[in-house]
C-alpha cells in the first residue's frame, strides 16, 4: 500500500501494553497527557474561545499490521504532547484494537462506520456497543464516500440514526457533511450542508457535546483541490450560524467544526488561522509520518 510511508525509524518507540499506555520516553516535549486529562479538558468546553483544536485522521480502507505499527511508532515518537489539541485516528475495523494497543494514550481511536442500532441478525454489521467494548472512542459517520458511492448511498436519515445511537453508547461522532461539485457550482453549498445538519438536528435534541462536525467539500476529497481558506471559512461560519439559530448559541459556540478535503502540511496552517475552523479531518496525509505537521497546526490558535 503506497499511502503508508515505510522504513521510518522506530528507534525512539518502545512497545505498549494492552491498555495503550506508553512509557514517557516515547514522546518528546511536555509531560505525558493522559486520555483522562484530554477528556476532562474537552468536557469543560463552554465558550467559543475554549474549543480545543481537533485533528482526525481517516485511514479509510488502507493498511496492514506491519504498516500500522511503523506509522504509529512514528506518531508516538514525534508528535507533540499538549492539551491544546485533540487527535484521533480512524483505523480500519479489523485493526481498531491493535491500533489502540500501540497508540499513545493521549490520542483517540475512531471507527469509520457502525450499524444504526443494537445488534441482531445483521450479517456483516458492527454496533457502537461493540466499538465501545474494544476501546474505540469515536466513529466517523456520514463521510461522502458512504453518502455517495453507488454501492452504499447512505441517506441523511440513516446517518442521523447511526449518530444518535452511537452517542447513546458513549461513542463520540465525527459527523461529516459537504456538497458535490455540481452542488457548489449551482450555488447550493449552504443549502446542502443545512439539509444534512437538519437531519441530525431533527433527532438528536439539544445535546451536541459528543459531536464534532466535519465539513468536507466532496470535490476536494482526494483530488488535490482544496477550498481556499476564505471558501472554507464561509461555510464554517454558516454552519455555526445554523447551530445558533436551530439548536442554541451555547452549542454553536462550543461545537468544533473541522475542515476536510486534501488537507496537507503545506496548507493546514493557513486554514487553521480562520476563526471558525477548529481543526481537520485528514485523509491520505494521515497515512504518513508528517501527519504530525498537521497536528502541529494547532499552534495557529494558541
C-alpha atoms as a PDB file:
ATOM      1  CA  UNK A   1       0.000   0.000   0.000  1.00  0.00           C
ATOM      2  CA  UNK A   2       1.724   3.138  -1.225  1.00  0.00           C
ATOM      3  CA  UNK A   3      -0.021   5.599   1.073  1.00  0.00           C
ATOM      4  CA  UNK A   4       1.853   4.335   4.121  1.00  0.00           C
ATOM      5  CA  UNK A   5       5.444   5.519   4.338  1.00  0.00           C
ATOM      6  CA  UNK A   6       7.559   2.594   5.471  1.00  0.00           C
ATOM      7  CA  UNK A   7      11.123   2.436   6.623  1.00  0.00           C
ATOM      8  CA  UNK A   8      10.600   5.205   9.174  1.00  0.00           C
ATOM      9  CA  UNK A   9      12.943   4.905  12.135  1.00  0.00           C
ATOM     10  CA  UNK A  10      11.319   3.339  15.187  1.00  0.00           C
ATOM     11  CA  UNK A  11      14.355   3.743  17.393  1.00  0.00           C
ATOM     12  CA  UNK A  12      12.548   6.075  19.767  1.00  0.00           C
ATOM     13  CA  UNK A  13       9.424   3.988  20.217  1.00  0.00           C
ATOM     14  CA  UNK A  14       9.061   1.136  22.643  1.00  0.00           C
ATOM     15  CA  UNK A  15       6.171  -1.279  22.979  1.00  0.00           C
ATOM     16  CA  UNK A  16       2.839  -0.719  24.662  1.00  0.00           C
ATOM     17  CA  UNK A  17       0.695  -2.804  26.890  1.00  0.00           C
ATOM     18  CA  UNK A  18      -2.883  -3.749  26.099  1.00  0.00           C
ATOM     19  CA  UNK A  19      -4.166  -0.655  27.883  1.00  0.00           C
ATOM     20  CA  UNK A  20      -2.447   1.624  25.370  1.00  0.00           C
ATOM     21  CA  UNK A  21      -0.270   3.351  27.975  1.00  0.00           C
ATOM     22  CA  UNK A  22       3.192   4.266  26.741  1.00  0.00           C
ATOM     23  CA  UNK A  23       6.390   4.986  28.551  1.00  0.00           C
ATOM     24  CA  UNK A  24       7.040   8.741  28.734  1.00  0.00           C
ATOM     25  CA  UNK A  25      10.197   8.268  26.691  1.00  0.00           C
ATOM     26  CA  UNK A  26       8.030   7.544  23.643  1.00  0.00           C
ATOM     27  CA  UNK A  27       7.020  11.188  23.395  1.00  0.00           C
ATOM     28  CA  UNK A  28       9.218  14.242  23.295  1.00  0.00           C
ATOM     29  CA  UNK A  29       8.381  17.526  24.956  1.00  0.00           C
ATOM     30  CA  UNK A  30       5.991  18.234  27.819  1.00  0.00           C
ATOM     31  CA  UNK A  31       4.925  15.621  30.399  1.00  0.00           C
ATOM     32  CA  UNK A  32       2.657  12.870  29.139  1.00  0.00           C
ATOM     33  CA  UNK A  33      -1.005  13.881  28.777  1.00  0.00           C
ATOM     34  CA  UNK A  34      -3.310  11.038  29.752  1.00  0.00           C
ATOM     35  CA  UNK A  35      -6.531  10.152  27.971  1.00  0.00           C
ATOM     36  CA  UNK A  36      -8.431  11.099  31.137  1.00  0.00           C
ATOM     37  CA  UNK A  37      -6.905  14.585  31.141  1.00  0.00           C
ATOM     38  CA  UNK A  38      -7.752  15.045  27.474  1.00  0.00           C
ATOM     39  CA  UNK A  39     -11.379  14.017  28.025  1.00  0.00           C
ATOM     40  CA  UNK A  40     -11.628  16.285  31.066  1.00  0.00           C
ATOM     41  CA  UNK A  41     -10.387  19.256  29.053  1.00  0.00           C
ATOM     42  CA  UNK A  42     -12.886  18.624  26.269  1.00  0.00           C
ATOM     43  CA  UNK A  43     -15.684  18.305  28.831  1.00  0.00           C
ATOM     44  CA  UNK A  44     -15.040  21.866  30.031  1.00  0.00           C
ATOM     45  CA  UNK A  45     -15.917  23.460  26.697  1.00  0.00           C
ATOM     46  CA  UNK A  46     -18.402  26.255  27.164  1.00  0.00           C
ATOM     47  CA  UNK A  47     -17.427  29.247  25.054  1.00  0.00           C
ATOM     48  CA  UNK A  48     -16.063  29.518  21.529  1.00  0.00           C
ATOM     49  CA  UNK A  49     -12.625  30.567  22.747  1.00  0.00           C
ATOM     50  CA  UNK A  50     -12.361  27.273  24.655  1.00  0.00           C
ATOM     51  CA  UNK A  51     -12.811  24.983  21.646  1.00  0.00           C
ATOM     52  CA  UNK A  52      -9.892  22.555  21.747  1.00  0.00           C
ATOM     53  CA  UNK A  53      -8.315  22.161  18.315  1.00  0.00           C
ATOM     54  CA  UNK A  54      -9.113  18.737  16.849  1.00  0.00           C
ATOM     55  CA  UNK A  55      -7.275  16.719  14.212  1.00  0.00           C
ATOM     56  CA  UNK A  56      -8.768  13.471  12.960  1.00  0.00           C
ATOM     57  CA  UNK A  57      -7.081  11.032  10.617  1.00  0.00           C
ATOM     58  CA  UNK A  58      -9.151   8.796   8.358  1.00  0.00           C
ATOM     59  CA  UNK A  59      -7.090   5.846   7.134  1.00  0.00           C
ATOM     60  CA  UNK A  60     -10.044   4.567   5.099  1.00  0.00           C
ATOM     61  CA  UNK A  61      -9.569   1.054   3.629  1.00  0.00           C
ATOM     62  CA  UNK A  62      -5.782   1.039   3.885  1.00  0.00           C
ATOM     63  CA  UNK A  63      -3.116  -0.632   5.948  1.00  0.00           C
ATOM     64  CA  UNK A  64      -1.719  -3.827   7.423  1.00  0.00           C
ATOM     65  CA  UNK A  65      -0.485  -4.632  10.912  1.00  0.00           C
ATOM     66  CA  UNK A  66       3.126  -4.024   9.961  1.00  0.00           C
ATOM     67  CA  UNK A  67       2.355  -0.724   8.222  1.00  0.00           C
ATOM     68  CA  UNK A  68       0.240   0.480  11.143  1.00  0.00           C
ATOM     69  CA  UNK A  69       2.988  -0.433  13.596  1.00  0.00           C
ATOM     70  CA  UNK A  70       5.567   1.601  11.676  1.00  0.00           C
ATOM     71  CA  UNK A  71       3.229   4.589  11.342  1.00  0.00           C
ATOM     72  CA  UNK A  72       2.084   4.571  14.971  1.00  0.00           C
ATOM     73  CA  UNK A  73       5.646   4.313  16.232  1.00  0.00           C
ATOM     74  CA  UNK A  74       6.471   7.499  14.333  1.00  0.00           C
ATOM     75  CA  UNK A  75       3.455   9.266  15.848  1.00  0.00           C
ATOM     76  CA  UNK A  76       4.365   8.114  19.346  1.00  0.00           C
ATOM     77  CA  UNK A  77       7.890   9.451  18.966  1.00  0.00           C
ATOM     78  CA  UNK A  78       7.427  12.700  17.065  1.00  0.00           C
ATOM     79  CA  UNK A  79       4.010  14.199  17.809  1.00  0.00           C
ATOM     80  CA  UNK A  80       3.691  16.996  20.377  1.00  0.00           C
ATOM     81  CA  UNK A  81       2.251  16.334  23.817  1.00  0.00           C
ATOM     82  CA  UNK A  82      -0.154  19.106  24.726  1.00  0.00           C
ATOM     83  CA  UNK A  83      -3.706  19.630  25.914  1.00  0.00           C
ATOM     84  CA  UNK A  84      -4.177  22.287  23.203  1.00  0.00           C
ATOM     85  CA  UNK A  85      -5.023  19.691  20.540  1.00  0.00           C
ATOM     86  CA  UNK A  86      -7.107  16.510  20.496  1.00  0.00           C
ATOM     87  CA  UNK A  87      -6.017  13.878  17.981  1.00  0.00           C
ATOM     88  CA  UNK A  88      -7.979  10.825  16.825  1.00  0.00           C
ATOM     89  CA  UNK A  89      -7.011   8.295  14.149  1.00  0.00           C
ATOM     90  CA  UNK A  90      -9.605   6.294  12.220  1.00  0.00           C
ATOM     91  CA  UNK A  91      -8.283   2.775  11.690  1.00  0.00           C
ATOM     92  CA  UNK A  92      -9.925   0.058   9.579  1.00  0.00           C
ATOM     93  CA  UNK A  93     -12.249  -2.123  11.631  1.00  0.00           C
ATOM     94  CA  UNK A  94     -10.013  -5.225  11.929  1.00  0.00           C
ATOM     95  CA  UNK A  95      -7.197  -3.090  13.344  1.00  0.00           C
ATOM     96  CA  UNK A  96      -9.064  -0.967  15.883  1.00  0.00           C
ATOM     97  CA  UNK A  97      -7.996  -2.869  18.983  1.00  0.00           C
ATOM     98  CA  UNK A  98      -4.488  -3.408  17.606  1.00  0.00           C
ATOM     99  CA  UNK A  99      -4.113   0.319  16.947  1.00  0.00           C
ATOM    100  CA  UNK A 100      -5.451   1.195  20.394  1.00  0.00           C
ATOM    101  CA  UNK A 101      -2.881  -1.100  21.976  1.00  0.00           C
ATOM    102  CA  UNK A 102       0.048   0.531  20.156  1.00  0.00           C
ATOM    103  CA  UNK A 103      -1.018   4.165  20.057  1.00  0.00           C
ATOM    104  CA  UNK A 104      -0.025   6.799  22.599  1.00  0.00           C
ATOM    105  CA  UNK A 105      -2.746   7.067  25.218  1.00  0.00           C
ATOM    106  CA  UNK A 106      -3.419  10.784  24.712  1.00  0.00           C
ATOM    107  CA  UNK A 107      -4.624  10.103  21.153  1.00  0.00           C
ATOM    108  CA  UNK A 108      -8.006   8.552  20.460  1.00  0.00           C
ATOM    109  CA  UNK A 109      -9.036   5.808  18.051  1.00  0.00           C
ATOM    110  CA  UNK A 110     -12.031   6.000  15.730  1.00  0.00           C
ATOM    111  CA  UNK A 111     -14.007   3.545  13.668  1.00  0.00           C
ATOM    112  CA  UNK A 112     -15.145   4.593  10.196  1.00  0.00           C
ATOM    113  CA  UNK A 113     -18.716   3.316  10.338  1.00  0.00           C
ATOM    114  CA  UNK A 114     -21.214   1.463  12.522  1.00  0.00           C
ATOM    115  CA  UNK A 115     -24.709  -0.004  12.407  1.00  0.00           C
ATOM    116  CA  UNK A 116     -27.849   2.053  13.056  1.00  0.00           C
ATOM    117  CA  UNK A 117     -28.714   0.455  16.393  1.00  0.00           C
ATOM    118  CA  UNK A 118     -28.254  -2.544  18.618  1.00  0.00           C
ATOM    119  CA  UNK A 119     -27.056  -5.917  17.430  1.00  0.00           C
ATOM    120  CA  UNK A 120     -29.046  -8.776  15.963  1.00  0.00           C
ATOM    121  CA  UNK A 121     -29.418 -10.600  12.673  1.00  0.00           C
ATOM    122  CA  UNK A 122     -27.490  -8.036  10.635  1.00  0.00           C
ATOM    123  CA  UNK A 123     -24.752 -10.012   8.910  1.00  0.00           C
ATOM    124  CA  UNK A 124     -21.550  -8.073   8.469  1.00  0.00           C
ATOM    125  CA  UNK A 125     -22.553  -5.105  10.629  1.00  0.00           C
ATOM    126  CA  UNK A 126     -20.832  -3.764  13.747  1.00  0.00           C
ATOM    127  CA  UNK A 127     -22.609  -1.879  16.515  1.00  0.00           C
ATOM    128  CA  UNK A 128     -21.482   1.102  18.551  1.00  0.00           C
ATOM    129  CA  UNK A 129     -21.723  -1.153  21.618  1.00  0.00           C
ATOM    130  CA  UNK A 130     -19.015  -3.367  20.093  1.00  0.00           C
ATOM    131  CA  UNK A 131     -16.836  -0.377  19.249  1.00  0.00           C
ATOM    132  CA  UNK A 132     -17.002   0.876  22.821  1.00  0.00           C
ATOM    133  CA  UNK A 133     -16.235  -2.616  24.110  1.00  0.00           C
ATOM    134  CA  UNK A 134     -12.851  -2.654  22.341  1.00  0.00           C
ATOM    135  CA  UNK A 135     -11.863   0.834  23.493  1.00  0.00           C
ATOM    136  CA  UNK A 136     -12.921   2.840  20.452  1.00  0.00           C
ATOM    137  CA  UNK A 137     -13.592   6.467  21.407  1.00  0.00           C
ATOM    138  CA  UNK A 138     -15.021   7.768  18.135  1.00  0.00           C
ATOM    139  CA  UNK A 139     -16.735   6.850  14.893  1.00  0.00           C
ATOM    140  CA  UNK A 140     -16.767   8.716  11.574  1.00  0.00           C
ATOM    141  CA  UNK A 141     -20.300   8.897  10.178  1.00  0.00           C
ATOM    142  CA  UNK A 142     -21.711  10.477   7.039  1.00  0.00           C
ATOM    143  CA  UNK A 143     -18.440  10.542   5.108  1.00  0.00           C
ATOM    144  CA  UNK A 144     -19.056  11.466   1.476  1.00  0.00           C
ATOM    145  CA  UNK A 145     -17.895   8.061   0.290  1.00  0.00           C
ATOM    146  CA  UNK A 146     -20.646   6.416   2.316  1.00  0.00           C
ATOM    147  CA  UNK A 147     -23.161   9.033   1.194  1.00  0.00           C
ATOM    148  CA  UNK A 148     -22.296   8.907  -2.498  1.00  0.00           C
ATOM    149  CA  UNK A 149     -20.630   5.656  -3.564  1.00  0.00           C
ATOM    150  CA  UNK A 150     -23.264   3.792  -5.622  1.00  0.00           C
ATOM    151  CA  UNK A 151     -22.656   0.622  -3.611  1.00  0.00           C
ATOM    152  CA  UNK A 152     -23.585   2.396  -0.367  1.00  0.00           C
ATOM    153  CA  UNK A 153     -25.718   5.539  -0.837  1.00  0.00           C
ATOM    154  CA  UNK A 154     -26.481   6.122   2.844  1.00  0.00           C
ATOM    155  CA  UNK A 155     -29.283   8.621   3.368  1.00  0.00           C
ATOM    156  CA  UNK A 156     -29.284  11.661   5.644  1.00  0.00           C
ATOM    157  CA  UNK A 157     -31.803   9.883   7.883  1.00  0.00           C
ATOM    158  CA  UNK A 158     -29.709   6.712   8.163  1.00  0.00           C
ATOM    159  CA  UNK A 159     -26.595   8.679   9.104  1.00  0.00           C
ATOM    160  CA  UNK A 160     -28.504  10.680  11.716  1.00  0.00           C
ATOM    161  CA  UNK A 161     -29.951   7.481  13.223  1.00  0.00           C
ATOM    162  CA  UNK A 162     -26.483   5.944  13.446  1.00  0.00           C
ATOM    163  CA  UNK A 163     -25.193   9.092  15.127  1.00  0.00           C
ATOM    164  CA  UNK A 164     -27.852   9.178  17.824  1.00  0.00           C
ATOM    165  CA  UNK A 165     -27.326   5.515  18.663  1.00  0.00           C
ATOM    166  CA  UNK A 166     -23.526   5.831  18.767  1.00  0.00           C
ATOM    167  CA  UNK A 167     -23.530   8.724  21.215  1.00  0.00           C
ATOM    168  CA  UNK A 168     -26.080   6.896  23.383  1.00  0.00           C
ATOM    169  CA  UNK A 169     -23.415   4.208  23.809  1.00  0.00           C
ATOM    170  CA  UNK A 170     -20.672   6.644  24.709  1.00  0.00           C
ATOM    171  CA  UNK A 171     -19.017   6.761  21.283  1.00  0.00           C
ATOM    172  CA  UNK A 172     -18.397  10.289  20.025  1.00  0.00           C
ATOM    173  CA  UNK A 173     -19.090  11.096  16.378  1.00  0.00           C
ATOM    174  CA  UNK A 174     -17.321  12.975  13.621  1.00  0.00           C
ATOM    175  CA  UNK A 175     -20.415  13.906  11.620  1.00  0.00           C
ATOM    176  CA  UNK A 176     -19.453  14.625   8.023  1.00  0.00           C
ATOM    177  CA  UNK A 177     -21.288  16.969   5.698  1.00  0.00           C
ATOM    178  CA  UNK A 178     -20.469  18.584   2.371  1.00  0.00           C
ATOM    179  CA  UNK A 179     -21.507  19.296  -1.188  1.00  0.00           C
ATOM    180  CA  UNK A 180     -20.765  17.716  -4.558  1.00  0.00           C
ATOM    181  CA  UNK A 181     -19.057  19.763  -7.270  1.00  0.00           C
ATOM    182  CA  UNK A 182     -22.296  20.280  -9.181  1.00  0.00           C
ATOM    183  CA  UNK A 183     -23.989  21.472  -5.985  1.00  0.00           C
ATOM    184  CA  UNK A 184     -21.257  24.055  -5.388  1.00  0.00           C
ATOM    185  CA  UNK A 185     -21.367  25.232  -8.993  1.00  0.00           C
ATOM    186  CA  UNK A 186     -25.146  25.688  -8.782  1.00  0.00           C
ATOM    187  CA  UNK A 187     -24.874  27.723  -5.567  1.00  0.00           C
ATOM    188  CA  UNK A 188     -26.312  25.022  -3.315  1.00  0.00           C
ATOM    189  CA  UNK A 189     -23.400  24.563  -0.889  1.00  0.00           C
ATOM    190  CA  UNK A 190     -25.031  26.100   2.164  1.00  0.00           C
ATOM    191  CA  UNK A 191     -28.424  24.535   1.432  1.00  0.00           C
ATOM    192  CA  UNK A 192     -26.885  21.059   1.164  1.00  0.00           C
ATOM    193  CA  UNK A 193     -24.965  21.443   4.416  1.00  0.00           C
ATOM    194  CA  UNK A 194     -28.037  22.765   6.214  1.00  0.00           C
ATOM    195  CA  UNK A 195     -30.119  19.829   4.938  1.00  0.00           C
ATOM    196  CA  UNK A 196     -27.563  17.378   6.268  1.00  0.00           C
ATOM    197  CA  UNK A 197     -27.403  19.203   9.614  1.00  0.00           C
ATOM    198  CA  UNK A 198     -31.190  19.319   9.886  1.00  0.00           C
ATOM    199  CA  UNK A 199     -31.397  15.532   9.537  1.00  0.00           C
ATOM    200  CA  UNK A 200     -29.338  15.243  12.717  1.00  0.00           C
ATOM    201  CA  UNK A 201     -30.989  18.179  14.434  1.00  0.00           C
ATOM    202  CA  UNK A 202     -34.402  16.577  13.973  1.00  0.00           C
ATOM    203  CA  UNK A 203     -33.433  13.536  16.056  1.00  0.00           C
ATOM    204  CA  UNK A 204     -30.615  14.495  18.418  1.00  0.00           C
ATOM    205  CA  UNK A 205     -32.187  17.230  20.508  1.00  0.00           C
ATOM    206  CA  UNK A 206     -30.111  19.903  22.240  1.00  0.00           C
ATOM    207  CA  UNK A 207     -27.081  17.905  23.414  1.00  0.00           C
ATOM    208  CA  UNK A 208     -24.332  18.072  20.775  1.00  0.00           C
ATOM    209  CA  UNK A 209     -21.474  17.638  23.250  1.00  0.00           C
ATOM    210  CA  UNK A 210     -20.319  14.359  21.696  1.00  0.00           C
ATOM    211  CA  UNK A 211     -20.492  15.646  18.123  1.00  0.00           C
ATOM    212  CA  UNK A 212     -17.723  17.153  16.017  1.00  0.00           C
ATOM    213  CA  UNK A 213     -18.877  18.407  12.608  1.00  0.00           C
ATOM    214  CA  UNK A 214     -16.554  17.813   9.658  1.00  0.00           C
ATOM    215  CA  UNK A 215     -17.210  19.938   6.584  1.00  0.00           C
ATOM    216  CA  UNK A 216     -15.743  18.123   3.587  1.00  0.00           C
ATOM    217  CA  UNK A 217     -16.468  19.536   0.135  1.00  0.00           C
ATOM    218  CA  UNK A 218     -16.736  16.328  -1.881  1.00  0.00           C
ATOM    219  CA  UNK A 219     -14.961  17.843  -4.882  1.00  0.00           C
ATOM    220  CA  UNK A 220     -11.861  18.398  -2.740  1.00  0.00           C
ATOM    221  CA  UNK A 221     -11.547  14.931  -1.180  1.00  0.00           C
ATOM    222  CA  UNK A 222      -8.565  13.049  -2.560  1.00  0.00           C
ATOM    223  CA  UNK A 223      -8.390  15.281  -5.627  1.00  0.00           C
ATOM    224  CA  UNK A 224      -5.626  17.616  -4.569  1.00  0.00           C
ATOM    225  CA  UNK A 225      -8.086  20.504  -4.897  1.00  0.00           C
ATOM    226  CA  UNK A 226      -8.592  22.449  -1.692  1.00  0.00           C
ATOM    227  CA  UNK A 227     -11.191  25.029  -0.799  1.00  0.00           C
ATOM    228  CA  UNK A 228      -9.446  28.335  -0.217  1.00  0.00           C
ATOM    229  CA  UNK A 229      -9.283  29.397   3.432  1.00  0.00           C
ATOM    230  CA  UNK A 230     -11.923  32.004   2.596  1.00  0.00           C
ATOM    231  CA  UNK A 231     -14.256  29.441   0.978  1.00  0.00           C
ATOM    232  CA  UNK A 232     -13.880  27.076   3.909  1.00  0.00           C
ATOM    233  CA  UNK A 233     -14.400  29.815   6.479  1.00  0.00           C
ATOM    234  CA  UNK A 234     -17.572  30.979   4.716  1.00  0.00           C
ATOM    235  CA  UNK A 235     -19.140  27.542   5.068  1.00  0.00           C
ATOM    236  CA  UNK A 236     -17.897  27.035   8.630  1.00  0.00           C
ATOM    237  CA  UNK A 237     -19.384  30.356   9.634  1.00  0.00           C
ATOM    238  CA  UNK A 238     -22.700  29.361   8.030  1.00  0.00           C
ATOM    239  CA  UNK A 239     -22.685  26.062   9.938  1.00  0.00           C
ATOM    240  CA  UNK A 240     -22.130  27.880  13.219  1.00  0.00           C
ATOM    241  CA  UNK A 241     -24.936  30.318  12.422  1.00  0.00           C
ATOM    242  CA  UNK A 242     -27.233  27.369  11.657  1.00  0.00           C
ATOM    243  CA  UNK A 243     -26.427  25.823  15.034  1.00  0.00           C
ATOM    244  CA  UNK A 244     -27.159  29.120  16.794  1.00  0.00           C
ATOM    245  CA  UNK A 245     -30.479  29.575  15.014  1.00  0.00           C
ATOM    246  CA  UNK A 246     -31.688  25.973  15.188  1.00  0.00           C
ATOM    247  CA  UNK A 247     -30.139  24.487  18.337  1.00  0.00           C
ATOM    248  CA  UNK A 248     -28.670  27.107  20.703  1.00  0.00           C
ATOM    249  CA  UNK A 249     -25.972  29.733  20.957  1.00  0.00           C
ATOM    250  CA  UNK A 250     -24.150  27.583  23.507  1.00  0.00           C
ATOM    251  CA  UNK A 251     -23.997  24.669  21.064  1.00  0.00           C
ATOM    252  CA  UNK A 252     -22.862  26.995  18.294  1.00  0.00           C
ATOM    253  CA  UNK A 253     -20.065  28.363  20.490  1.00  0.00           C
ATOM    254  CA  UNK A 254     -18.830  25.017  21.768  1.00  0.00           C
ATOM    255  CA  UNK A 255     -19.189  22.673  18.771  1.00  0.00           C
ATOM    256  CA  UNK A 256     -15.984  22.104  16.872  1.00  0.00           C
ATOM    257  CA  UNK A 257     -16.199  22.343  13.090  1.00  0.00           C
ATOM    258  CA  UNK A 258     -13.424  20.669  11.121  1.00  0.00           C
ATOM    259  CA  UNK A 259     -12.339  21.135   7.532  1.00  0.00           C
ATOM    260  CA  UNK A 260     -11.571  18.100   5.374  1.00  0.00           C
ATOM    261  CA  UNK A 261     -10.559  17.856   1.737  1.00  0.00           C
ATOM    262  CA  UNK A 262      -6.940  17.349   0.656  1.00  0.00           C
ATOM    263  CA  UNK A 263      -5.582  18.857   3.880  1.00  0.00           C
ATOM    264  CA  UNK A 264      -1.789  18.662   3.909  1.00  0.00           C
ATOM    265  CA  UNK A 265       1.226  20.010   5.790  1.00  0.00           C
ATOM    266  CA  UNK A 266       1.500  22.645   3.057  1.00  0.00           C
ATOM    267  CA  UNK A 267      -1.956  24.203   3.531  1.00  0.00           C
ATOM    268  CA  UNK A 268      -3.016  23.421   7.105  1.00  0.00           C
ATOM    269  CA  UNK A 269      -1.527  26.487   8.813  1.00  0.00           C
ATOM    270  CA  UNK A 270      -3.379  28.991   6.624  1.00  0.00           C
ATOM    271  CA  UNK A 271      -6.645  27.117   7.064  1.00  0.00           C
ATOM    272  CA  UNK A 272      -6.147  26.859  10.832  1.00  0.00           C
ATOM    273  CA  UNK A 273      -5.877  30.639  11.158  1.00  0.00           C
ATOM    274  CA  UNK A 274      -9.553  31.067  10.283  1.00  0.00           C
ATOM    275  CA  UNK A 275     -11.708  31.693  13.375  1.00  0.00           C
ATOM    276  CA  UNK A 276     -14.401  29.106  12.615  1.00  0.00           C
ATOM    277  CA  UNK A 277     -12.051  26.304  11.531  1.00  0.00           C
ATOM    278  CA  UNK A 278     -11.408  24.247  14.673  1.00  0.00           C
ATOM    279  CA  UNK A 279      -9.255  21.544  13.132  1.00  0.00           C
ATOM    280  CA  UNK A 280      -9.183  18.984  10.357  1.00  0.00           C
ATOM    281  CA  UNK A 281     -10.364  15.583   9.236  1.00  0.00           C
ATOM    282  CA  UNK A 282      -7.428  14.327   7.186  1.00  0.00           C
ATOM    283  CA  UNK A 283      -7.451  11.524   4.634  1.00  0.00           C
ATOM    284  CA  UNK A 284      -4.367  10.483   2.693  1.00  0.00           C
ATOM    285  CA  UNK A 285      -1.980  12.725   4.616  1.00  0.00           C
ATOM    286  CA  UNK A 286      -2.851  10.897   7.856  1.00  0.00           C
ATOM    287  CA  UNK A 287      -1.170   7.779   6.446  1.00  0.00           C
ATOM    288  CA  UNK A 288       2.255   9.425   6.558  1.00  0.00           C
ATOM    289  CA  UNK A 289       4.571  10.364   9.417  1.00  0.00           C
ATOM    290  CA  UNK A 290       4.276  14.050   8.563  1.00  0.00           C
ATOM    291  CA  UNK A 291       0.639  13.923   9.670  1.00  0.00           C
ATOM    292  CA  UNK A 292       2.332  15.255  12.793  1.00  0.00           C
ATOM    293  CA  UNK A 293       2.904  18.555  10.953  1.00  0.00           C
ATOM    294  CA  UNK A 294      -0.862  18.900  10.512  1.00  0.00           C
ATOM    295  CA  UNK A 295      -1.359  18.169  14.209  1.00  0.00           C
ATOM    296  CA  UNK A 296       1.078  20.986  14.961  1.00  0.00           C
ATOM    297  CA  UNK A 297      -1.131  23.473  13.127  1.00  0.00           C
ATOM    298  CA  UNK A 298      -2.953  23.854  16.460  1.00  0.00           C
ATOM    299  CA  UNK A 299      -0.227  26.419  17.224  1.00  0.00           C
ATOM    300  CA  UNK A 300      -2.069  28.846  14.944  1.00  0.00           C
ATOM    301  CA  UNK A 301      -4.783  29.002  17.610  1.00  0.00           C
ATOM    302  CA  UNK A 302      -2.686  29.462  20.758  1.00  0.00           C
END
